[in-house]
Amino acid sequence: MAAGSRDAQDGDDPAQRERAQRMAATPPPPGSPAWWATRPNPTAPAAASAEPRRGRPSLDTAHIVGTALRLVDEHGTQAFSLRMLADALNSGTATLYRHFDGKDEIMAYVVDRVLGEVDLDALTSSSDWREALTVTAHGFHDTLRRHPNTLPLLMAYVPVGPHGLAQRERVLAALLNHGLPADLAARAFTAVAHYVIGFTAQQYGPGAAPDHGTELAAFYGGLDPAAYPALLQAARTLTSVAVDEEFEFGLTLLVRGLAHLAP
């Protein structure tokens, strides 16, 4: 049988058609690029409720998302619920469903709201791409420190909402304007963003361990010098460097390393 005939028969297979229909009917997960692409107005988070569905009463979407962020800051993402949000808004969960399809959609908007808070105004006065990257890292880090409970969301969602896109555009434009090639600008942006998210999550996120510097110093001090001579030489620095200083050191290493790749 010819290959073309075989393909035609496969295309007529009912099971295959059913699988294709199921895949087409499955909505994209909230926060994904495909999901953001379906938003009525991709330039404004409030667009999700610009036209309330099925004639239900409207609420201000920005207020809903802002209240949700406050609750996540106070209670964390696991404890957050639509009932908690409805109570805080002096409303009902049915009203929330008129604007969002569920908690996951609200969390996608919360992530984008946080990204919109990143202060990148200093980019306009940055003298070179190194300074632009440093400004970006500090702005991102400062914002995430204010909202540590959102870090799991940021790692779960692709940050391509309207605020996320706008911030990414600003940073990449600054790097390009300072002479970085597009491919290096993209990789530099990604490397710095991953560094900031990872560092902030480890130090300030919901699962962050408390500071055990004093306990670790005592533990290292009791180790056998013959078995761990190098560790004992470095023990004081390992246990005494402030977190902010550690962040600066890692960021400096990253930026200076990227400088070796720049033209």
Protein backbone atom coordinates (compact mmCIF):
# COMPACT_ATOMS: atom_id res chain seq x y z
CA MET A 1 0.00 0.00 0.00
CA ALA A 2 1.29 3.50 -0.78
CA ALA A 3 2.36 5.76 2.06
CA GLY A 4 -0.23 8.38 1.07
CA SER A 5 -3.06 5.84 1.31
CA ARG A 6 -1.81 4.68 4.70
CA ASP A 7 -1.78 8.25 6.01
CA ALA A 8 -5.30 8.85 4.72
CA GLN A 9 -6.56 5.76 6.49
CA ASP A 10 -4.82 6.79 9.73
CA GLY A 11 -6.49 10.18 9.51
CA ASP A 12 -9.91 8.48 9.29
CA ASP A 13 -9.31 6.39 12.42
CA PRO A 14 -12.09 7.26 14.93
CA ALA A 15 -9.84 6.73 17.96
CA GLN A 16 -7.24 9.07 16.53
CA ARG A 17 -9.88 11.70 15.78
CA GLU A 18 -11.21 11.42 19.31
CA ARG A 19 -7.74 11.88 20.79
CA ALA A 20 -7.17 14.93 18.60
CA GLN A 21 -10.52 16.40 19.65
CA ARG A 22 -9.73 15.86 23.33
CA MET A 23 -6.37 17.57 22.96
CA ALA A 24 -7.95 20.48 21.11
CA ALA A 25 -10.64 20.82 23.79
CA THR A 26 -8.16 20.87 26.70
CA PRO A 27 -7.65 24.48 27.77
CA PRO A 28 -4.08 25.66 28.29
CA PRO A 29 -2.97 25.85 31.93
CA PRO A 30 -3.24 29.29 33.53
CA GLY A 31 0.00 31.23 33.33
CA SER A 32 1.23 29.42 30.22
CA PRO A 33 2.01 31.34 27.02
CA ALA A 34 -1.02 29.79 25.31
CA TRP A 35 -3.24 30.86 28.21
CA TRP A 36 -2.00 34.45 28.20
CA ALA A 37 -2.56 34.56 24.44
CA THR A 38 -6.28 33.96 25.03
CA ARG A 39 -6.71 36.94 27.33
CA PRO A 40 -9.07 39.53 25.76
CA ASN A 41 -6.58 42.38 26.19
CA PRO A 42 -2.99 41.18 26.71
CA THR A 43 -1.84 44.63 27.85
CA ALA A 44 -3.93 44.84 31.02
CA PRO A 45 -4.42 42.27 33.81
CA ALA A 46 -7.91 43.63 34.41
CA ALA A 47 -8.94 42.41 30.99
CA ALA A 48 -9.88 38.98 32.37
CA SER A 49 -13.03 40.56 33.76
CA ALA A 50 -13.55 43.48 31.42
CA GLU A 51 -16.75 41.82 30.21
CA PRO A 52 -18.36 39.82 33.06
CA ARG A 53 -19.63 36.50 31.82
CA ARG A 54 -23.24 35.32 31.86
CA GLY A 55 -24.56 38.68 33.08
CA ARG A 56 -23.05 38.35 36.54
CA PRO A 57 -22.08 41.46 38.51
CA SER A 58 -18.62 42.93 38.04
CA LEU A 59 -15.77 43.57 40.46
CA ASP A 60 -12.57 45.51 39.94
CA THR A 61 -10.07 42.89 38.80
CA ALA A 62 -7.03 44.89 39.92
CA HIS A 63 -8.53 45.06 43.42
CA ILE A 64 -9.16 41.31 43.42
CA VAL A 65 -5.60 40.55 42.34
CA GLY A 66 -4.12 43.04 44.81
CA THR A 67 -6.11 41.50 47.65
CA ALA A 68 -5.05 38.02 46.55
CA LEU A 69 -1.40 39.10 46.64
CA ARG A 70 -1.83 40.50 50.15
CA LEU A 71 -3.34 37.22 51.31
CA VAL A 72 -0.55 35.19 49.70
CA ASP A 73 1.97 37.45 51.43
CA GLU A 74 0.26 36.85 54.76
CA HIS A 75 -0.71 33.18 54.51
CA GLY A 76 1.19 31.57 51.63
CA THR A 77 -0.05 29.92 48.47
CA GLN A 78 -1.06 26.64 50.08
CA ALA A 79 -3.36 28.25 52.62
CA PHE A 80 -4.80 30.71 50.11
CA SER A 81 -8.26 29.82 48.86
CA LEU A 82 -11.09 31.43 46.96
CA ARG A 83 -13.17 31.40 50.16
CA MET A 84 -10.43 33.33 51.97
CA LEU A 85 -10.28 35.82 49.10
CA ALA A 86 -14.06 36.20 48.94
CA ASP A 87 -14.22 36.89 52.67
CA ALA A 88 -11.46 39.51 52.40
CA LEU A 89 -13.43 41.18 49.59
CA ASN A 90 -16.68 40.93 51.54
CA SER A 91 -18.05 39.00 48.60
CA GLY A 92 -18.76 35.41 47.61
CA THR A 93 -16.85 32.76 45.70
CA ALA A 94 -19.53 32.75 43.01
CA THR A 95 -18.66 36.37 42.27
CA LEU A 96 -15.00 35.47 41.87
CA TYR A 97 -15.90 32.77 39.39
CA ARG A 98 -17.50 35.44 37.25
CA HIS A 99 -14.05 36.87 36.70
CA PHE A 100 -11.72 33.87 36.99
CA ASP A 101 -12.03 30.15 36.35
CA GLY A 102 -10.36 29.28 39.64
CA LYS A 103 -7.44 29.75 41.98
CA ASP A 104 -4.81 28.95 39.35
CA GLU A 105 -5.96 31.84 37.15
CA ILE A 106 -5.82 34.25 40.07
CA MET A 107 -2.33 33.07 40.95
CA ALA A 108 -1.18 33.69 37.37
CA TYR A 109 -2.31 37.29 37.71
CA VAL A 110 -0.67 37.56 41.13
CA VAL A 111 2.68 36.55 39.62
CA ASP A 112 2.30 39.17 36.91
CA ARG A 113 1.33 41.78 39.51
CA VAL A 114 4.53 41.10 41.44
CA LEU A 115 6.64 41.45 38.30
CA GLY A 116 4.98 44.79 37.66
CA GLU A 117 6.35 46.06 40.97
CA VAL A 118 9.99 45.60 39.95
CA ASP A 119 11.59 49.05 39.84
CA LEU A 120 13.68 49.33 36.69
CA ASP A 121 13.68 53.12 36.35
CA ALA A 122 17.46 53.23 36.81
CA LEU A 123 17.87 51.37 33.51
CA THR A 124 17.41 54.63 31.65
CA SER A 125 20.54 56.09 33.27
CA SER A 126 22.67 52.93 33.21
CA SER A 127 26.10 53.56 31.69
CA ASP A 128 26.68 50.10 30.21
CA TRP A 129 25.18 46.60 30.02
CA ARG A 130 26.92 45.55 33.25
CA GLU A 131 25.15 48.25 35.18
CA ALA A 132 21.88 47.43 33.42
CA LEU A 133 22.13 43.80 34.52
CA THR A 134 23.03 44.84 38.07
CA VAL A 135 20.06 47.24 38.24
CA THR A 136 17.79 44.47 36.98
CA ALA A 137 19.07 41.96 39.52
CA HIS A 138 18.66 44.36 42.44
CA GLY A 139 15.19 45.46 41.39
CA PHE A 140 14.03 41.87 40.94
CA HIS A 141 15.66 40.72 44.19
CA ASP A 142 14.17 43.58 46.23
CA THR A 143 10.69 42.86 44.92
CA LEU A 144 10.87 39.13 45.59
CA ARG A 145 12.11 39.78 49.12
CA ARG A 146 8.92 41.77 49.72
CA HIS A 147 6.82 38.87 48.43
CA PRO A 148 8.71 35.67 49.34
CA ASN A 149 5.56 33.55 49.40
CA THR A 150 5.10 34.16 45.67
CA LEU A 151 8.41 32.50 44.79
CA PRO A 152 6.85 29.03 44.29
CA LEU A 153 4.38 30.64 41.87
CA LEU A 154 7.13 32.38 39.95
CA MET A 155 8.91 29.06 39.50
CA ALA A 156 5.69 27.35 38.40
CA TYR A 157 4.46 29.92 35.90
CA VAL A 158 6.05 31.20 32.71
CA PRO A 159 6.32 34.97 33.33
CA VAL A 160 4.84 36.19 30.06
CA GLY A 161 1.91 38.17 31.36
CA PRO A 162 1.61 41.85 30.41
CA HIS A 163 3.85 43.10 33.22
CA GLY A 164 6.35 40.30 32.76
CA LEU A 165 6.61 41.00 29.05
CA ALA A 166 6.97 44.75 29.59
CA GLN A 167 9.78 44.28 32.12
CA ARG A 168 11.58 41.78 29.91
CA GLU A 169 11.31 44.16 26.97
CA ARG A 170 12.81 47.00 29.03
CA VAL A 171 15.78 44.94 30.19
CA LEU A 172 16.54 43.43 26.79
CA ALA A 173 16.22 46.82 25.11
CA ALA A 174 18.75 48.28 27.57
CA LEU A 175 21.19 45.43 26.98
CA LEU A 176 20.87 45.75 23.21
CA ASN A 177 21.25 49.52 23.37
CA HIS A 178 24.47 49.04 25.31
CA GLY A 179 25.90 46.90 22.55
CA LEU A 180 25.27 43.30 23.57
CA PRO A 181 24.37 40.99 20.67
CA ALA A 182 20.82 39.68 20.85
CA ASP A 183 21.82 36.09 21.65
CA LEU A 184 24.14 37.15 24.50
CA ALA A 185 21.59 39.65 25.81
CA ALA A 186 18.99 36.88 25.99
CA ARG A 187 21.32 34.47 27.76
CA ALA A 188 22.57 37.16 30.15
CA PHE A 189 19.01 38.13 31.06
CA THR A 190 18.05 34.50 31.65
CA ALA A 191 21.16 33.74 33.71
CA VAL A 192 20.66 36.72 35.99
CA ALA A 193 16.93 36.04 36.40
CA HIS A 194 17.59 32.41 37.33
CA TYR A 195 20.30 33.46 39.78
CA VAL A 196 18.02 35.95 41.51
CA ILE A 197 15.06 33.55 41.73
CA GLY A 198 17.19 30.67 43.00
CA PHE A 199 19.09 32.74 45.55
CA THR A 200 15.99 34.50 46.85
CA ALA A 201 14.01 31.27 47.08
CA GLN A 202 16.76 29.56 49.07
CA GLN A 203 17.27 32.46 51.44
CA TYR A 204 13.78 33.91 51.83
CA GLY A 205 11.24 31.53 50.27
CA PRO A 206 8.63 29.54 52.22
CA GLY A 207 11.00 26.59 52.61
CA ALA A 208 14.05 28.66 53.55
CA ALA A 209 16.02 27.35 56.53
CA PRO A 210 16.78 29.67 59.45
CA ASP A 211 20.26 31.06 59.91
CA HIS A 212 22.45 28.34 61.45
CA GLY A 213 25.72 30.26 61.17
CA THR A 214 26.63 30.04 64.85
CA GLU A 215 25.62 26.39 65.09
CA LEU A 216 27.55 25.53 61.92
CA ALA A 217 30.64 27.35 63.18
CA ALA A 218 30.58 25.31 66.37
CA PHE A 219 30.04 22.11 64.39
CA TYR A 220 32.93 22.81 62.03
CA GLY A 221 35.13 23.68 64.99
CA GLY A 222 34.64 20.21 66.38
CA LEU A 223 35.72 18.39 63.21
CA ASP A 224 38.95 16.43 62.97
CA PRO A 225 41.62 18.77 61.47
CA ALA A 226 43.37 15.80 59.88
CA ALA A 227 40.24 14.76 58.00
CA TYR A 228 38.95 18.25 57.08
CA PRO A 229 41.90 20.66 56.93
CA ALA A 230 40.54 22.72 54.01
CA LEU A 231 37.06 22.97 55.49
CA LEU A 232 38.44 24.22 58.79
CA GLN A 233 40.52 26.87 57.03
CA ALA A 234 37.41 28.19 55.30
CA ALA A 235 34.99 27.66 58.21
CA ARG A 236 34.87 31.25 59.45
CA THR A 237 34.00 32.66 56.03
CA LEU A 238 31.53 29.86 55.33
CA THR A 239 29.57 30.74 58.45
CA SER A 240 29.94 34.51 58.84
CA VAL A 241 29.28 36.19 55.47
CA ALA A 242 26.03 38.18 55.48
CA VAL A 243 23.34 37.14 53.03
CA ASP A 244 23.32 40.50 51.24
CA GLU A 245 27.09 40.32 50.80
CA GLU A 246 26.79 36.79 49.47
CA PHE A 247 24.20 37.96 46.93
CA GLU A 248 26.46 40.79 45.77
CA PHE A 249 29.44 38.46 45.44
CA GLY A 250 27.54 35.95 43.31
CA LEU A 251 26.07 38.68 41.12
CA THR A 252 29.50 40.23 40.59
CA LEU A 253 30.92 36.88 39.56
CA LEU A 254 28.11 36.36 37.09
CA VAL A 255 28.40 39.80 35.49
CA ARG A 256 32.18 39.66 35.27
CA GLY A 257 31.97 36.21 33.74
CA LEU A 258 29.58 37.45 31.09
CA ALA A 259 32.03 40.24 30.28
CA HIS A 260 34.43 37.65 28.86
CA LEU A 261 31.79 36.72 26.29
CA ALA A 262 30.90 40.26 25.25
CA PRO A 263 32.39 41.62 22.00
